């Protein structure tokens, strides 16, 4: 992430931290993720008490809590999103984390153009033919999610290395 995009992300996080109602930020600050097109705000909800419920019943309690929060905050979220979209020029997506589950309510599906050679297309087609994906686009998204889940540490190292390269560039000859 470049210095400019990191400063934008930092400003967006700070704005949301100050803008969200205090009862939305208990038990902690929201997670705010920023890319070129979208800002995703993830609010952590308190976990429900386990009680004497089966695992299936507990899952339904969590689903109910998510749905209640989504409905109860809808109008406020829309207003805050409009302010943020005007201020930062990006769409806003919302989600919650509760009991180890993350659920996004609305988020963009942005088309990304790519050129694939036949072996890569065959991988996508195999996923479609096997019923894992509905289309090549869905198969490609599935592959990207899978890589992201299985290489989080490596991607973190790569991002840190890119930040270091940016820092060295700023210090190099001709740096203002």
C-alpha atoms as a PDB file:
ATOM      1  CA  UNK A   1       0.000   0.000   0.000  1.00  0.00           C
ATOM      2  CA  UNK A   2       1.488   3.347  -0.978  1.00  0.00           C
ATOM      3  CA  UNK A   3       2.041   6.106   1.563  1.00  0.00           C
ATOM      4  CA  UNK A   4      -0.864   8.115   0.119  1.00  0.00           C
ATOM      5  CA  UNK A   5      -3.305   5.190   0.175  1.00  0.00           C
ATOM      6  CA  UNK A   6      -2.195   4.315   3.723  1.00  0.00           C
ATOM      7  CA  UNK A   7      -2.823   7.900   4.867  1.00  0.00           C
ATOM      8  CA  UNK A   8      -6.272   7.813   3.231  1.00  0.00           C
ATOM      9  CA  UNK A   9      -7.036   4.495   4.947  1.00  0.00           C
ATOM     10  CA  UNK A  10      -5.863   5.928   8.257  1.00  0.00           C
ATOM     11  CA  UNK A  11      -8.056   9.021   7.832  1.00  0.00           C
ATOM     12  CA  UNK A  12     -11.065   6.859   6.924  1.00  0.00           C
ATOM     13  CA  UNK A  13     -10.532   4.635   9.981  1.00  0.00           C
ATOM     14  CA  UNK A  14     -10.215   7.670  12.249  1.00  0.00           C
ATOM     15  CA  UNK A  15     -13.355   9.281  10.814  1.00  0.00           C
ATOM     16  CA  UNK A  16     -15.455   6.136  11.300  1.00  0.00           C
ATOM     17  CA  UNK A  17     -14.078   5.628  14.808  1.00  0.00           C
ATOM     18  CA  UNK A  18     -15.258   9.125  15.705  1.00  0.00           C
ATOM     19  CA  UNK A  19     -18.493   9.032  13.692  1.00  0.00           C
ATOM     20  CA  UNK A  20     -20.087   5.749  14.730  1.00  0.00           C
ATOM     21  CA  UNK A  21     -22.459   5.755  17.706  1.00  0.00           C
ATOM     22  CA  UNK A  22     -20.708   4.673  20.901  1.00  0.00           C
ATOM     23  CA  UNK A  23     -23.048   1.722  21.471  1.00  0.00           C
ATOM     24  CA  UNK A  24     -21.903   0.312  18.096  1.00  0.00           C
ATOM     25  CA  UNK A  25     -18.277   0.235  19.226  1.00  0.00           C
ATOM     26  CA  UNK A  26     -18.762  -1.921  22.302  1.00  0.00           C
ATOM     27  CA  UNK A  27     -16.829  -4.193  22.926  1.00  0.00           C
ATOM     28  CA  UNK A  28     -14.201  -2.559  20.637  1.00  0.00           C
ATOM     29  CA  UNK A  29     -13.474  -0.229  17.747  1.00  0.00           C
ATOM     30  CA  UNK A  30     -14.812  -1.209  14.332  1.00  0.00           C
ATOM     31  CA  UNK A  31     -12.534  -2.768  11.751  1.00  0.00           C
ATOM     32  CA  UNK A  32     -12.383  -0.484   8.718  1.00  0.00           C
ATOM     33  CA  UNK A  33     -10.932  -1.859   5.473  1.00  0.00           C
ATOM     34  CA  UNK A  34     -10.288   0.516   2.576  1.00  0.00           C
ATOM     35  CA  UNK A  35      -9.463  -0.171  -1.068  1.00  0.00           C
ATOM     36  CA  UNK A  36      -9.758   1.916  -4.247  1.00  0.00           C
ATOM     37  CA  UNK A  37     -13.507   1.382  -4.633  1.00  0.00           C
ATOM     38  CA  UNK A  38     -14.940   0.563  -1.246  1.00  0.00           C
ATOM     39  CA  UNK A  39     -14.815   1.086   2.503  1.00  0.00           C
ATOM     40  CA  UNK A  40     -15.934  -1.910   4.568  1.00  0.00           C
ATOM     41  CA  UNK A  41     -16.937  -1.277   8.180  1.00  0.00           C
ATOM     42  CA  UNK A  42     -17.100  -4.346  10.437  1.00  0.00           C
ATOM     43  CA  UNK A  43     -18.716  -3.800  13.833  1.00  0.00           C
ATOM     44  CA  UNK A  44     -18.156  -6.374  16.581  1.00  0.00           C
ATOM     45  CA  UNK A  45     -21.277  -7.337  18.483  1.00  0.00           C
ATOM     46  CA  UNK A  46     -21.165  -8.872  21.968  1.00  0.00           C
ATOM     47  CA  UNK A  47     -21.365 -12.659  21.898  1.00  0.00           C
ATOM     48  CA  UNK A  48     -24.644 -14.078  23.207  1.00  0.00           C
ATOM     49  CA  UNK A  49     -24.568 -16.019  26.461  1.00  0.00           C
ATOM     50  CA  UNK A  50     -24.236 -19.728  25.683  1.00  0.00           C
ATOM     51  CA  UNK A  51     -27.041 -20.886  27.992  1.00  0.00           C
ATOM     52  CA  UNK A  52     -28.400 -24.411  27.668  1.00  0.00           C
ATOM     53  CA  UNK A  53     -28.671 -24.392  23.879  1.00  0.00           C
ATOM     54  CA  UNK A  54     -27.630 -26.861  21.264  1.00  0.00           C
ATOM     55  CA  UNK A  55     -25.063 -25.749  18.707  1.00  0.00           C
ATOM     56  CA  UNK A  56     -27.836 -25.303  16.131  1.00  0.00           C
ATOM     57  CA  UNK A  57     -29.912 -23.198  18.545  1.00  0.00           C
ATOM     58  CA  UNK A  58     -26.885 -21.060  19.404  1.00  0.00           C
ATOM     59  CA  UNK A  59     -26.289 -20.491  15.680  1.00  0.00           C
ATOM     60  CA  UNK A  60     -29.886 -19.293  15.365  1.00  0.00           C
ATOM     61  CA  UNK A  61     -29.433 -16.934  18.334  1.00  0.00           C
ATOM     62  CA  UNK A  62     -26.392 -15.450  16.565  1.00  0.00           C
ATOM     63  CA  UNK A  63     -28.313 -15.185  13.268  1.00  0.00           C
ATOM     64  CA  UNK A  64     -31.143 -13.410  15.082  1.00  0.00           C
ATOM     65  CA  UNK A  65     -28.748 -10.995  16.766  1.00  0.00           C
ATOM     66  CA  UNK A  66     -27.131 -10.166  13.414  1.00  0.00           C
ATOM     67  CA  UNK A  67     -30.503  -9.598  11.749  1.00  0.00           C
ATOM     68  CA  UNK A  68     -31.800  -7.462  14.638  1.00  0.00           C
ATOM     69  CA  UNK A  69     -28.699  -5.238  14.552  1.00  0.00           C
ATOM     70  CA  UNK A  70     -28.933  -4.945  10.774  1.00  0.00           C
ATOM     71  CA  UNK A  71     -32.585  -3.853  10.885  1.00  0.00           C
ATOM     72  CA  UNK A  72     -32.244  -1.617  13.976  1.00  0.00           C
ATOM     73  CA  UNK A  73     -29.297   0.327  12.514  1.00  0.00           C
ATOM     74  CA  UNK A  74     -30.356   0.464   8.859  1.00  0.00           C
ATOM     75  CA  UNK A  75     -31.370   4.152   8.715  1.00  0.00           C
ATOM     76  CA  UNK A  76     -28.339   5.325  10.685  1.00  0.00           C
ATOM     77  CA  UNK A  77     -25.986   3.211   8.563  1.00  0.00           C
ATOM     78  CA  UNK A  78     -27.462   4.658   5.375  1.00  0.00           C
ATOM     79  CA  UNK A  79     -26.940   8.206   6.656  1.00  0.00           C
ATOM     80  CA  UNK A  80     -23.375   7.548   7.797  1.00  0.00           C
ATOM     81  CA  UNK A  81     -22.584   5.796   4.508  1.00  0.00           C
ATOM     82  CA  UNK A  82     -23.839   8.790   2.512  1.00  0.00           C
ATOM     83  CA  UNK A  83     -21.626  11.134   4.545  1.00  0.00           C
ATOM     84  CA  UNK A  84     -18.604   8.871   4.071  1.00  0.00           C
ATOM     85  CA  UNK A  85     -19.240   8.372   0.347  1.00  0.00           C
ATOM     86  CA  UNK A  86     -19.370  12.136  -0.113  1.00  0.00           C
ATOM     87  CA  UNK A  87     -16.289  12.705   2.030  1.00  0.00           C
ATOM     88  CA  UNK A  88     -14.073   9.888   0.716  1.00  0.00           C
ATOM     89  CA  UNK A  89     -15.433   9.144  -2.778  1.00  0.00           C
ATOM     90  CA  UNK A  90     -15.916   5.427  -2.116  1.00  0.00           C
ATOM     91  CA  UNK A  91     -18.946   3.219  -1.525  1.00  0.00           C
ATOM     92  CA  UNK A  92     -19.465   1.933   2.020  1.00  0.00           C
ATOM     93  CA  UNK A  93     -20.212  -1.682   2.915  1.00  0.00           C
ATOM     94  CA  UNK A  94     -21.299  -2.858   6.356  1.00  0.00           C
ATOM     95  CA  UNK A  95     -20.915  -6.059   8.289  1.00  0.00           C
ATOM     96  CA  UNK A  96     -20.725  -7.507  11.775  1.00  0.00           C
ATOM     97  CA  UNK A  97     -18.604  -9.964  13.687  1.00  0.00           C
ATOM     98  CA  UNK A  98     -20.206 -11.989  16.449  1.00  0.00           C
ATOM     99  CA  UNK A  99     -19.368 -15.355  18.011  1.00  0.00           C
ATOM    100  CA  UNK A 100     -16.547 -16.005  15.528  1.00  0.00           C
ATOM    101  CA  UNK A 101     -18.807 -15.340  12.539  1.00  0.00           C
ATOM    102  CA  UNK A 102     -18.425 -12.483  10.048  1.00  0.00           C
ATOM    103  CA  UNK A 103     -21.389 -11.414   7.958  1.00  0.00           C
ATOM    104  CA  UNK A 104     -21.286  -8.665   5.325  1.00  0.00           C
ATOM    105  CA  UNK A 105     -24.600  -6.989   4.528  1.00  0.00           C
ATOM    106  CA  UNK A 106     -23.809  -5.091   1.361  1.00  0.00           C
ATOM    107  CA  UNK A 107     -20.596  -4.968  -0.592  1.00  0.00           C
ATOM    108  CA  UNK A 108     -19.480  -4.327  -4.126  1.00  0.00           C
ATOM    109  CA  UNK A 109     -18.701  -6.945  -6.710  1.00  0.00           C
ATOM    110  CA  UNK A 110     -16.228  -5.031  -8.863  1.00  0.00           C
ATOM    111  CA  UNK A 111     -15.381  -6.354 -12.327  1.00  0.00           C
ATOM    112  CA  UNK A 112     -11.683  -7.011 -12.775  1.00  0.00           C
ATOM    113  CA  UNK A 113     -10.356  -7.579 -16.252  1.00  0.00           C
ATOM    114  CA  UNK A 114      -7.777 -10.297 -16.666  1.00  0.00           C
ATOM    115  CA  UNK A 115      -6.278 -12.292 -19.482  1.00  0.00           C
ATOM    116  CA  UNK A 116      -5.917 -15.982 -18.832  1.00  0.00           C
ATOM    117  CA  UNK A 117      -4.129 -18.574 -20.896  1.00  0.00           C
ATOM    118  CA  UNK A 118      -5.753 -21.904 -21.651  1.00  0.00           C
ATOM    119  CA  UNK A 119      -4.385 -23.803 -18.601  1.00  0.00           C
ATOM    120  CA  UNK A 120      -5.790 -21.131 -16.261  1.00  0.00           C
ATOM    121  CA  UNK A 121      -9.126 -21.128 -18.094  1.00  0.00           C
ATOM    122  CA  UNK A 122      -9.255 -24.907 -17.776  1.00  0.00           C
ATOM    123  CA  UNK A 123      -8.915 -24.606 -13.994  1.00  0.00           C
ATOM    124  CA  UNK A 124     -11.873 -22.222 -13.930  1.00  0.00           C
ATOM    125  CA  UNK A 125     -13.896 -24.415 -16.289  1.00  0.00           C
ATOM    126  CA  UNK A 126     -13.228 -27.479 -14.097  1.00  0.00           C
ATOM    127  CA  UNK A 127     -14.607 -25.620 -11.073  1.00  0.00           C
ATOM    128  CA  UNK A 128     -17.695 -24.653 -13.078  1.00  0.00           C
ATOM    129  CA  UNK A 129     -18.220 -28.160 -14.464  1.00  0.00           C
ATOM    130  CA  UNK A 130     -17.830 -29.663 -10.969  1.00  0.00           C
ATOM    131  CA  UNK A 131     -20.504 -27.333  -9.627  1.00  0.00           C
ATOM    132  CA  UNK A 132     -18.094 -25.538  -7.287  1.00  0.00           C
ATOM    133  CA  UNK A 133     -18.718 -22.269  -9.142  1.00  0.00           C
ATOM    134  CA  UNK A 134     -21.553 -20.909 -11.282  1.00  0.00           C
ATOM    135  CA  UNK A 135     -19.342 -19.199 -13.850  1.00  0.00           C
ATOM    136  CA  UNK A 136     -15.732 -18.438 -14.674  1.00  0.00           C
ATOM    137  CA  UNK A 137     -16.050 -15.133 -12.807  1.00  0.00           C
ATOM    138  CA  UNK A 138     -17.393 -16.921  -9.728  1.00  0.00           C
ATOM    139  CA  UNK A 139     -14.616 -19.552 -10.027  1.00  0.00           C
ATOM    140  CA  UNK A 140     -11.964 -16.839 -10.194  1.00  0.00           C
ATOM    141  CA  UNK A 141     -13.394 -15.150  -7.079  1.00  0.00           C
ATOM    142  CA  UNK A 142     -13.432 -18.551  -5.340  1.00  0.00           C
ATOM    143  CA  UNK A 143      -9.744 -19.069  -6.223  1.00  0.00           C
ATOM    144  CA  UNK A 144      -8.791 -15.606  -4.948  1.00  0.00           C
ATOM    145  CA  UNK A 145     -10.615 -16.226  -1.630  1.00  0.00           C
ATOM    146  CA  UNK A 146      -8.933 -19.612  -1.245  1.00  0.00           C
ATOM    147  CA  UNK A 147      -5.473 -18.168  -1.890  1.00  0.00           C
ATOM    148  CA  UNK A 148      -6.164 -15.329   0.540  1.00  0.00           C
ATOM    149  CA  UNK A 149      -7.247 -17.738   3.286  1.00  0.00           C
ATOM    150  CA  UNK A 150      -4.274 -20.037   2.832  1.00  0.00           C
ATOM    151  CA  UNK A 151      -1.545 -17.433   2.394  1.00  0.00           C
ATOM    152  CA  UNK A 152      -2.485 -14.696   4.890  1.00  0.00           C
ATOM    153  CA  UNK A 153       0.956 -14.745   6.546  1.00  0.00           C
ATOM    154  CA  UNK A 154       2.747 -14.601   3.195  1.00  0.00           C
ATOM    155  CA  UNK A 155       0.505 -11.765   1.971  1.00  0.00           C
ATOM    156  CA  UNK A 156       1.195  -9.885   5.227  1.00  0.00           C
ATOM    157  CA  UNK A 157       4.944 -10.283   4.671  1.00  0.00           C
ATOM    158  CA  UNK A 158       4.540  -9.079   1.088  1.00  0.00           C
ATOM    159  CA  UNK A 159       2.587  -5.981   2.198  1.00  0.00           C
ATOM    160  CA  UNK A 160       5.256  -5.204   4.816  1.00  0.00           C
ATOM    161  CA  UNK A 161       7.981  -5.542   2.172  1.00  0.00           C
ATOM    162  CA  UNK A 162       6.080  -3.191  -0.159  1.00  0.00           C
ATOM    163  CA  UNK A 163       5.837  -0.626   2.650  1.00  0.00           C
ATOM    164  CA  UNK A 164       9.596  -0.903   3.202  1.00  0.00           C
ATOM    165  CA  UNK A 165      10.260  -0.391  -0.551  1.00  0.00           C
ATOM    166  CA  UNK A 166       8.059   2.729  -0.492  1.00  0.00           C
ATOM    167  CA  UNK A 167       9.985   4.035   2.530  1.00  0.00           C
ATOM    168  CA  UNK A 168      13.336   3.488   0.779  1.00  0.00           C
ATOM    169  CA  UNK A 169      12.048   5.248  -2.362  1.00  0.00           C
ATOM    170  CA  UNK A 170      11.051   8.296  -0.300  1.00  0.00           C
ATOM    171  CA  UNK A 171      14.558   8.473   1.156  1.00  0.00           C
ATOM    172  CA  UNK A 172      16.327   7.975  -2.187  1.00  0.00           C
ATOM    173  CA  UNK A 173      17.989  10.468  -4.523  1.00  0.00           C
ATOM    174  CA  UNK A 174      15.683  13.216  -5.692  1.00  0.00           C
ATOM    175  CA  UNK A 175      13.297  12.684  -2.778  1.00  0.00           C
ATOM    176  CA  UNK A 176      11.592  15.916  -1.869  1.00  0.00           C
END
